[in-house]
Amino acid sequence: NDCFVVMSLGKEKFQTSVKEKAPPDVTWCEECE
């Protein structure tokens, strides 16, 4: 997959980086506030 995560709380959103050619188990370790 070329996968990424969208986190939302209320109207605010954050998107992680895209992990290209990732297997079904993927790690990001990305932070947001």
PDB file of all heavy atoms in Angstrom:
ATOM      1  N   ASN A   1       0.838  -1.198   0.000  1.00  0.00           N
ATOM      2  CA  ASN A   1       0.000   0.000   0.000  1.00  0.00           C
ATOM      3  C   ASN A   1       0.873   1.247   0.000  1.00  0.00           C
ATOM      4  O   ASN A   1       1.997   1.216   0.486  1.00  0.00           O
ATOM      5  CB  ASN A   1      -0.870   0.060   1.267  1.00  0.00           C
ATOM      6  CG  ASN A   1      -1.946  -0.988   1.292  1.00  0.00           C
ATOM      7  OD1 ASN A   1      -2.678  -1.164   0.336  1.00  0.00           O
ATOM      8  ND2 ASN A   1      -2.050  -1.704   2.408  1.00  0.00           N
ATOM      9  N   ASP A   2       0.340   2.331  -0.502  1.00  0.00           N
ATOM     10  CA  ASP A   2       0.904   3.662  -0.303  1.00  0.00           C
ATOM     11  C   ASP A   2      -0.024   4.318   0.711  1.00  0.00           C
ATOM     12  O   ASP A   2      -0.958   5.022   0.358  1.00  0.00           O
ATOM     13  CB  ASP A   2       0.938   4.456  -1.610  1.00  0.00           C
ATOM     14  CG  ASP A   2       1.912   3.873  -2.624  1.00  0.00           C
ATOM     15  OD1 ASP A   2       2.805   3.111  -2.221  1.00  0.00           O
ATOM     16  OD2 ASP A   2       1.790   4.186  -3.815  1.00  0.00           O
ATOM     17  N   CYS A   3       0.207   4.046   1.995  1.00  0.00           N
ATOM     18  CA  CYS A   3      -0.791   4.385   3.009  1.00  0.00           C
ATOM     19  C   CYS A   3      -0.392   5.571   3.874  1.00  0.00           C
ATOM     20  O   CYS A   3       0.783   5.891   4.040  1.00  0.00           O
ATOM     21  CB  CYS A   3      -1.088   3.175   3.878  1.00  0.00           C
ATOM     22  SG  CYS A   3       0.354   2.385   4.576  1.00  0.00           S
ATOM     23  N   PHE A   4      -1.427   6.206   4.416  1.00  0.00           N
ATOM     24  CA  PHE A   4      -1.267   7.323   5.339  1.00  0.00           C
ATOM     25  C   PHE A   4      -2.457   7.339   6.291  1.00  0.00           C
ATOM     26  O   PHE A   4      -3.466   6.693   6.041  1.00  0.00           O
ATOM     27  CB  PHE A   4      -1.132   8.652   4.583  1.00  0.00           C
ATOM     28  CG  PHE A   4      -2.335   9.022   3.756  1.00  0.00           C
ATOM     29  CD1 PHE A   4      -3.321   9.858   4.250  1.00  0.00           C
ATOM     30  CD2 PHE A   4      -2.480   8.529   2.457  1.00  0.00           C
ATOM     31  CE1 PHE A   4      -4.424  10.199   3.475  1.00  0.00           C
ATOM     32  CE2 PHE A   4      -3.570   8.868   1.670  1.00  0.00           C
ATOM     33  CZ  PHE A   4      -4.552   9.715   2.189  1.00  0.00           C
ATOM     34  N   VAL A   5      -2.308   8.085   7.388  1.00  0.00           N
ATOM     35  CA  VAL A   5      -3.358   8.170   8.403  1.00  0.00           C
ATOM     36  C   VAL A   5      -3.856   9.601   8.482  1.00  0.00           C
ATOM     37  O   VAL A   5      -3.057  10.546   8.469  1.00  0.00           O
ATOM     38  CB  VAL A   5      -2.837   7.746   9.795  1.00  0.00           C
ATOM     39  CG1 VAL A   5      -3.924   7.870  10.856  1.00  0.00           C
ATOM     40  CG2 VAL A   5      -2.291   6.331   9.763  1.00  0.00           C
ATOM     41  N   VAL A   6      -5.174   9.764   8.566  1.00  0.00           N
ATOM     42  CA  VAL A   6      -5.789  11.065   8.827  1.00  0.00           C
ATOM     43  C   VAL A   6      -6.392  10.994  10.222  1.00  0.00           C
ATOM     44  O   VAL A   6      -7.216  10.118  10.497  1.00  0.00           O
ATOM     45  CB  VAL A   6      -6.882  11.404   7.791  1.00  0.00           C
ATOM     46  CG1 VAL A   6      -7.567  12.708   8.145  1.00  0.00           C
ATOM     47  CG2 VAL A   6      -6.290  11.470   6.393  1.00  0.00           C
ATOM     48  N   MET A   7      -5.932  11.890  11.108  1.00  0.00           N
ATOM     49  CA  MET A   7      -6.484  11.979  12.459  1.00  0.00           C
ATOM     50  C   MET A   7      -7.352  13.218  12.523  1.00  0.00           C
ATOM     51  O   MET A   7      -6.938  14.277  12.053  1.00  0.00           O
ATOM     52  CB  MET A   7      -5.369  12.105  13.490  1.00  0.00           C
ATOM     53  CG  MET A   7      -4.507  10.891  13.596  1.00  0.00           C
ATOM     54  SD  MET A   7      -3.234  11.093  14.841  1.00  0.00           S
ATOM     55  CE  MET A   7      -2.105  12.162  13.990  1.00  0.00           C
ATOM     56  N   SER A   8      -8.525  13.095  13.108  1.00  0.00           N
ATOM     57  CA  SER A   8      -9.389  14.271  13.236  1.00  0.00           C
ATOM     58  C   SER A   8      -9.982  14.328  14.635  1.00  0.00           C
ATOM     59  O   SER A   8     -10.275  13.311  15.255  1.00  0.00           O
ATOM     60  CB  SER A   8     -10.496  14.248  12.187  1.00  0.00           C
ATOM     61  OG  SER A   8     -11.315  13.125  12.354  1.00  0.00           O
ATOM     62  N   LEU A   9     -10.120  15.561  15.116  1.00  0.00           N
ATOM     63  CA  LEU A   9     -10.736  15.842  16.409  1.00  0.00           C
ATOM     64  C   LEU A   9     -11.541  17.106  16.212  1.00  0.00           C
ATOM     65  O   LEU A   9     -10.971  18.175  15.982  1.00  0.00           O
ATOM     66  CB  LEU A   9      -9.678  16.016  17.494  1.00  0.00           C
ATOM     67  CG  LEU A   9     -10.174  16.344  18.902  1.00  0.00           C
ATOM     68  CD1 LEU A   9     -11.102  15.261  19.419  1.00  0.00           C
ATOM     69  CD2 LEU A   9      -8.990  16.532  19.845  1.00  0.00           C
ATOM     70  N   GLY A  10     -12.861  16.985  16.247  1.00  0.00           N
ATOM     71  CA  GLY A  10     -13.707  18.129  15.905  1.00  0.00           C
ATOM     72  C   GLY A  10     -13.511  18.472  14.441  1.00  0.00           C
ATOM     73  O   GLY A  10     -13.558  17.603  13.576  1.00  0.00           O
ATOM     74  N   LYS A  11     -13.225  19.741  14.155  1.00  0.00           N
ATOM     75  CA  LYS A  11     -13.021  20.182  12.766  1.00  0.00           C
ATOM     76  C   LYS A  11     -11.559  20.182  12.355  1.00  0.00           C
ATOM     77  O   LYS A  11     -11.234  20.450  11.212  1.00  0.00           O
ATOM     78  CB  LYS A  11     -13.602  21.584  12.583  1.00  0.00           C
ATOM     79  CG  LYS A  11     -15.103  21.622  12.741  1.00  0.00           C
ATOM     80  CD  LYS A  11     -15.646  23.011  12.543  1.00  0.00           C
ATOM     81  CE  LYS A  11     -17.148  23.029  12.737  1.00  0.00           C
ATOM     82  NZ  LYS A  11     -17.707  24.368  12.565  1.00  0.00           N
ATOM     83  N   GLU A  12     -10.669  19.874  13.290  1.00  0.00           N
ATOM     84  CA  GLU A  12      -9.228  19.911  13.011  1.00  0.00           C
ATOM     85  C   GLU A  12      -8.740  18.542  12.544  1.00  0.00           C
ATOM     86  O   GLU A  12      -9.177  17.505  13.060  1.00  0.00           O
ATOM     87  CB  GLU A  12      -8.486  20.338  14.269  1.00  0.00           C
ATOM     88  CG  GLU A  12      -7.074  20.768  14.018  1.00  0.00           C
ATOM     89  CD  GLU A  12      -6.440  21.402  15.250  1.00  0.00           C
ATOM     90  OE1 GLU A  12      -7.042  21.386  16.335  1.00  0.00           O
ATOM     91  OE2 GLU A  12      -5.321  21.896  15.105  1.00  0.00           O
ATOM     92  N   LYS A  13      -7.811  18.553  11.562  1.00  0.00           N
ATOM     93  CA  LYS A  13      -7.277  17.301  11.014  1.00  0.00           C
ATOM     94  C   LYS A  13      -5.761  17.366  10.890  1.00  0.00           C
ATOM     95  O   LYS A  13      -5.182  18.435  10.753  1.00  0.00           O
ATOM     96  CB  LYS A  13      -7.855  17.030   9.629  1.00  0.00           C
ATOM     97  CG  LYS A  13      -9.314  16.687   9.630  1.00  0.00           C
ATOM     98  CD  LYS A  13      -9.798  16.340   8.244  1.00  0.00           C
ATOM     99  CE  LYS A  13     -11.265  15.968   8.287  1.00  0.00           C
ATOM    100  NZ  LYS A  13     -11.754  15.554   6.979  1.00  0.00           N
ATOM    101  N   PHE A  14      -5.147  16.192  10.911  1.00  0.00           N
ATOM    102  CA  PHE A  14      -3.707  16.051  10.677  1.00  0.00           C
ATOM    103  C   PHE A  14      -3.516  14.807   9.821  1.00  0.00           C
ATOM    104  O   PHE A  14      -4.189  13.796  10.020  1.00  0.00           O
ATOM    105  CB  PHE A  14      -2.953  15.869  12.002  1.00  0.00           C
ATOM    106  CG  PHE A  14      -1.500  15.539  11.824  1.00  0.00           C
ATOM    107  CD1 PHE A  14      -0.581  16.529  11.542  1.00  0.00           C
ATOM    108  CD2 PHE A  14      -1.059  14.230  11.921  1.00  0.00           C
ATOM    109  CE1 PHE A  14       0.762  16.219  11.365  1.00  0.00           C
ATOM    110  CE2 PHE A  14       0.275  13.907  11.752  1.00  0.00           C
ATOM    111  CZ  PHE A  14       1.189  14.911  11.472  1.00  0.00           C
ATOM    112  N   GLN A  15      -2.593  14.894   8.870  1.00  0.00           N
ATOM    113  CA  GLN A  15      -2.293  13.758   7.998  1.00  0.00           C
ATOM    114  C   GLN A  15      -0.825  13.389   8.135  1.00  0.00           C
ATOM    115  O   GLN A  15       0.045  14.257   8.079  1.00  0.00           O
ATOM    116  CB  GLN A  15      -2.603  14.118   6.551  1.00  0.00           C
ATOM    117  CG  GLN A  15      -2.293  12.995   5.586  1.00  0.00           C
ATOM    118  CD  GLN A  15      -2.628  13.367   4.146  1.00  0.00           C
ATOM    119  OE1 GLN A  15      -3.687  13.914   3.893  1.00  0.00           O
ATOM    120  NE2 GLN A  15      -1.726  13.064   3.240  1.00  0.00           N
ATOM    121  N   THR A  16      -0.556  12.098   8.293  1.00  0.00           N
ATOM    122  CA  THR A  16       0.825  11.621   8.359  1.00  0.00           C
ATOM    123  C   THR A  16       1.449  11.624   6.965  1.00  0.00           C
ATOM    124  O   THR A  16       0.762  11.849   5.969  1.00  0.00           O
ATOM    125  CB  THR A  16       0.895  10.182   8.910  1.00  0.00           C
ATOM    126  OG1 THR A  16       0.262   9.304   7.975  1.00  0.00           O
ATOM    127  CG2 THR A  16       0.275  10.067  10.276  1.00  0.00           C
ATOM    128  N   SER A  17       2.714  11.305   6.913  1.00  0.00           N
ATOM    129  CA  SER A  17       3.382  11.123   5.627  1.00  0.00           C
ATOM    130  C   SER A  17       2.878   9.829   4.987  1.00  0.00           C
ATOM    131  O   SER A  17       2.314   8.968   5.663  1.00  0.00           O
ATOM    132  CB  SER A  17       4.898  11.039   5.825  1.00  0.00           C
ATOM    133  OG  SER A  17       5.220   9.933   6.646  1.00  0.00           O
ATOM    134  N   VAL A  18       3.081   9.710   3.684  1.00  0.00           N
ATOM    135  CA  VAL A  18       2.672   8.510   2.948  1.00  0.00           C
ATOM    136  C   VAL A  18       3.817   7.494   3.014  1.00  0.00           C
ATOM    137  O   VAL A  18       4.957   7.815   2.685  1.00  0.00           O
ATOM    138  CB  VAL A  18       2.333   8.844   1.479  1.00  0.00           C
ATOM    139  CG1 VAL A  18       2.007   7.577   0.692  1.00  0.00           C
ATOM    140  CG2 VAL A  18       1.174   9.832   1.413  1.00  0.00           C
ATOM    141  N   LYS A  19       3.499   6.295   3.458  1.00  0.00           N
ATOM    142  CA  LYS A  19       4.478   5.198   3.463  1.00  0.00           C
ATOM    143  C   LYS A  19       4.273   4.415   2.169  1.00  0.00           C
ATOM    144  O   LYS A  19       3.294   3.693   2.015  1.00  0.00           O
ATOM    145  CB  LYS A  19       4.274   4.278   4.672  1.00  0.00           C
ATOM    146  CG  LYS A  19       4.529   4.963   5.993  1.00  0.00           C
ATOM    147  CD  LYS A  19       5.991   5.295   6.146  1.00  0.00           C
ATOM    148  CE  LYS A  19       6.251   5.862   7.529  1.00  0.00           C
ATOM    149  NZ  LYS A  19       7.655   6.135   7.769  1.00  0.00           N
ATOM    150  N   GLU A  20       5.183   4.604   1.240  1.00  0.00           N
ATOM    151  CA  GLU A  20       5.046   3.975  -0.073  1.00  0.00           C
ATOM    152  C   GLU A  20       5.483   2.515  -0.044  1.00  0.00           C
ATOM    153  O   GLU A  20       6.437   2.148   0.642  1.00  0.00           O
ATOM    154  CB  GLU A  20       5.861   4.755  -1.101  1.00  0.00           C
ATOM    155  CG  GLU A  20       5.325   6.171  -1.295  1.00  0.00           C
ATOM    156  CD  GLU A  20       6.077   6.943  -2.365  1.00  0.00           C
ATOM    157  OE1 GLU A  20       7.036   6.407  -2.949  1.00  0.00           O
ATOM    158  OE2 GLU A  20       5.681   8.095  -2.603  1.00  0.00           O
ATOM    159  N   LYS A  21       4.758   1.699  -0.790  1.00  0.00           N
ATOM    160  CA  LYS A  21       5.022   0.266  -0.911  1.00  0.00           C
ATOM    161  C   LYS A  21       5.147  -0.413   0.451  1.00  0.00           C
ATOM    162  O   LYS A  21       6.026  -1.232   0.691  1.00  0.00           O
ATOM    163  CB  LYS A  21       6.274   0.026  -1.754  1.00  0.00           C
ATOM    164  CG  LYS A  21       6.109   0.542  -3.174  1.00  0.00           C
ATOM    165  CD  LYS A  21       7.340   0.312  -3.999  1.00  0.00           C
ATOM    166  CE  LYS A  21       7.134   0.892  -5.401  1.00  0.00           C
ATOM    167  NZ  LYS A  21       8.328   0.862  -6.201  1.00  0.00           N
ATOM    168  N   ALA A  22       4.235  -0.058   1.336  1.00  0.00           N
ATOM    169  CA  ALA A  22       4.254  -0.586   2.704  1.00  0.00           C
ATOM    170  C   ALA A  22       3.536  -1.933   2.772  1.00  0.00           C
ATOM    171  O   ALA A  22       2.548  -2.148   2.080  1.00  0.00           O
ATOM    172  CB  ALA A  22       3.574   0.408   3.640  1.00  0.00           C
ATOM    173  N   PRO A  23       4.019  -2.823   3.625  1.00  0.00           N
ATOM    174  CA  PRO A  23       3.330  -4.101   3.849  1.00  0.00           C
ATOM    175  C   PRO A  23       2.069  -3.867   4.695  1.00  0.00           C
ATOM    176  O   PRO A  23       1.824  -2.748   5.145  1.00  0.00           O
ATOM    177  CB  PRO A  23       4.370  -4.914   4.625  1.00  0.00           C
ATOM    178  CG  PRO A  23       5.191  -3.896   5.332  1.00  0.00           C
ATOM    179  CD  PRO A  23       5.240  -2.704   4.421  1.00  0.00           C
ATOM    180  N   PRO A  24       1.281  -4.910   4.969  1.00  0.00           N
ATOM    181  CA  PRO A  24       0.062  -4.751   5.781  1.00  0.00           C
ATOM    182  C   PRO A  24       0.322  -4.249   7.209  1.00  0.00           C
ATOM    183  O   PRO A  24      -0.557  -3.693   7.836  1.00  0.00           O
ATOM    184  CB  PRO A  24      -0.541  -6.152   5.805  1.00  0.00           C
ATOM    185  CG  PRO A  24      -0.033  -6.799   4.564  1.00  0.00           C
ATOM    186  CD  PRO A  24       1.349  -6.247   4.371  1.00  0.00           C
ATOM    187  N   ASP A  25       1.541  -4.448   7.724  1.00  0.00           N
ATOM    188  CA  ASP A  25       1.932  -3.907   9.032  1.00  0.00           C
ATOM    189  C   ASP A  25       2.928  -2.779   8.782  1.00  0.00           C
ATOM    190  O   ASP A  25       4.012  -3.021   8.241  1.00  0.00           O
ATOM    191  CB  ASP A  25       2.581  -4.983   9.897  1.00  0.00           C
ATOM    192  CG  ASP A  25       1.633  -6.124  10.218  1.00  0.00           C
ATOM    193  OD1 ASP A  25       0.409  -5.958  10.032  1.00  0.00           O
ATOM    194  OD2 ASP A  25       2.113  -7.177  10.657  1.00  0.00           O
ATOM    195  N   VAL A  26       2.565  -1.556   9.174  1.00  0.00           N
ATOM    196  CA  VAL A  26       3.389  -0.384   8.855  1.00  0.00           C
ATOM    197  C   VAL A  26       3.560   0.499  10.088  1.00  0.00           C
ATOM    198  O   VAL A  26       2.681   0.557  10.944  1.00  0.00           O
ATOM    199  CB  VAL A  26       2.778   0.403   7.668  1.00  0.00           C
ATOM    200  CG1 VAL A  26       1.399   0.895   7.993  1.00  0.00           C
ATOM    201  CG2 VAL A  26       3.655   1.552   7.222  1.00  0.00           C
ATOM    202  N   THR A  27       4.713   1.177  10.197  1.00  0.00           N
ATOM    203  CA  THR A  27       5.032   2.036  11.335  1.00  0.00           C
ATOM    204  C   THR A  27       5.233   3.473  10.870  1.00  0.00           C
ATOM    205  O   THR A  27       5.910   3.708   9.872  1.00  0.00           O
ATOM    206  CB  THR A  27       6.315   1.537  12.039  1.00  0.00           C
ATOM    207  OG1 THR A  27       6.103   0.185  12.452  1.00  0.00           O
ATOM    208  CG2 THR A  27       6.646   2.391  13.237  1.00  0.00           C
ATOM    209  N   TRP A  28       4.653   4.431  11.619  1.00  0.00           N
ATOM    210  CA  TRP A  28       4.834   5.862  11.317  1.00  0.00           C
ATOM    211  C   TRP A  28       5.633   6.570  12.404  1.00  0.00           C
ATOM    212  O   TRP A  28       6.548   7.306  12.102  1.00  0.00           O
ATOM    213  CB  TRP A  28       3.481   6.573  11.190  1.00  0.00           C
ATOM    214  CG  TRP A  28       2.803   6.367   9.892  1.00  0.00           C
ATOM    215  CD1 TRP A  28       3.001   7.072   8.740  1.00  0.00           C
ATOM    216  CD2 TRP A  28       1.811   5.395   9.591  1.00  0.00           C
ATOM    217  NE1 TRP A  28       2.196   6.587   7.747  1.00  0.00           N
ATOM    218  CE2 TRP A  28       1.452   5.556   8.245  1.00  0.00           C
ATOM    219  CE3 TRP A  28       1.187   4.401  10.326  1.00  0.00           C
ATOM    220  CZ2 TRP A  28       0.500   4.770   7.622  1.00  0.00           C
ATOM    221  CZ3 TRP A  28       0.243   3.614   9.723  1.00  0.00           C
ATOM    222  CH2 TRP A  28      -0.090   3.804   8.381  1.00  0.00           C
ATOM    223  N   CYS A  29       5.252   6.459  13.655  1.00  0.00           N
ATOM    224  CA  CYS A  29       5.856   7.190  14.776  1.00  0.00           C
ATOM    225  C   CYS A  29       5.866   8.700  14.513  1.00  0.00           C
ATOM    226  O   CYS A  29       6.891   9.355  14.636  1.00  0.00           O
ATOM    227  CB  CYS A  29       7.259   6.680  15.079  1.00  0.00           C
ATOM    228  SG  CYS A  29       7.268   4.998  15.694  1.00  0.00           S
ATOM    229  N   GLU A  30       4.712   9.238  14.146  1.00  0.00           N
ATOM    230  CA  GLU A  30       4.574  10.671  13.879  1.00  0.00           C
ATOM    231  C   GLU A  30       3.654  11.294  14.918  1.00  0.00           C
ATOM    232  O   GLU A  30       2.669  10.691  15.327  1.00  0.00           O
ATOM    233  CB  GLU A  30       4.023  10.907  12.477  1.00  0.00           C
ATOM    234  CG  GLU A  30       4.990  10.475  11.405  1.00  0.00           C
ATOM    235  CD  GLU A  30       4.538  10.853  10.003  1.00  0.00           C
ATOM    236  OE1 GLU A  30       3.798  11.849   9.847  1.00  0.00           O
ATOM    237  OE2 GLU A  30       4.923  10.139   9.069  1.00  0.00           O
ATOM    238  N   GLU A  31       3.996  12.520  15.333  1.00  0.00           N
ATOM    239  CA  GLU A  31       3.257  13.207  16.378  1.00  0.00           C
ATOM    240  C   GLU A  31       2.538  14.433  15.838  1.00  0.00           C
ATOM    241  O   GLU A  31       2.976  15.040  14.857  1.00  0.00           O
ATOM    242  CB  GLU A  31       4.201  13.660  17.488  1.00  0.00           C
ATOM    243  CG  GLU A  31       4.876  12.525  18.203  1.00  0.00           C
ATOM    244  CD  GLU A  31       5.812  13.003  19.293  1.00  0.00           C
ATOM    245  OE1 GLU A  31       6.055  14.230  19.394  1.00  0.00           O
ATOM    246  OE2 GLU A  31       6.305  12.157  20.044  1.00  0.00           O
ATOM    247  N   CYS A  32       1.460  14.807  16.515  1.00  0.00           N
ATOM    248  CA  CYS A  32       0.764  16.054  16.203  1.00  0.00           C
ATOM    249  C   CYS A  32       0.072  16.551  17.471  1.00  0.00           C
ATOM    250  O   CYS A  32      -0.013  15.831  18.466  1.00  0.00           O
ATOM    251  CB  CYS A  32      -0.242  15.873  15.080  1.00  0.00           C
ATOM    252  SG  CYS A  32      -1.749  15.016  15.563  1.00  0.00           S
ATOM    253  N   GLU A  33      -0.388  17.771  17.414  1.00  0.00           N
ATOM    254  CA  GLU A  33      -1.143  18.361  18.515  1.00  0.00           C
ATOM    255  C   GLU A  33      -2.438  18.916  17.948  1.00  0.00           C
ATOM    256  O   GLU A  33      -2.408  19.694  16.994  1.00  0.00           O
ATOM    257  CB  GLU A  33      -0.324  19.468  19.180  1.00  0.00           C
ATOM    258  CG  GLU A  33      -0.988  20.059  20.396  1.00  0.00           C
ATOM    259  CD  GLU A  33      -0.080  21.040  21.105  1.00  0.00           C
ATOM    260  OE1 GLU A  33       0.790  20.581  21.866  1.00  0.00           O
ATOM    261  OE2 GLU A  33      -0.249  22.247  20.876  1.00  0.00           O
TER     262      GLU A  33
END
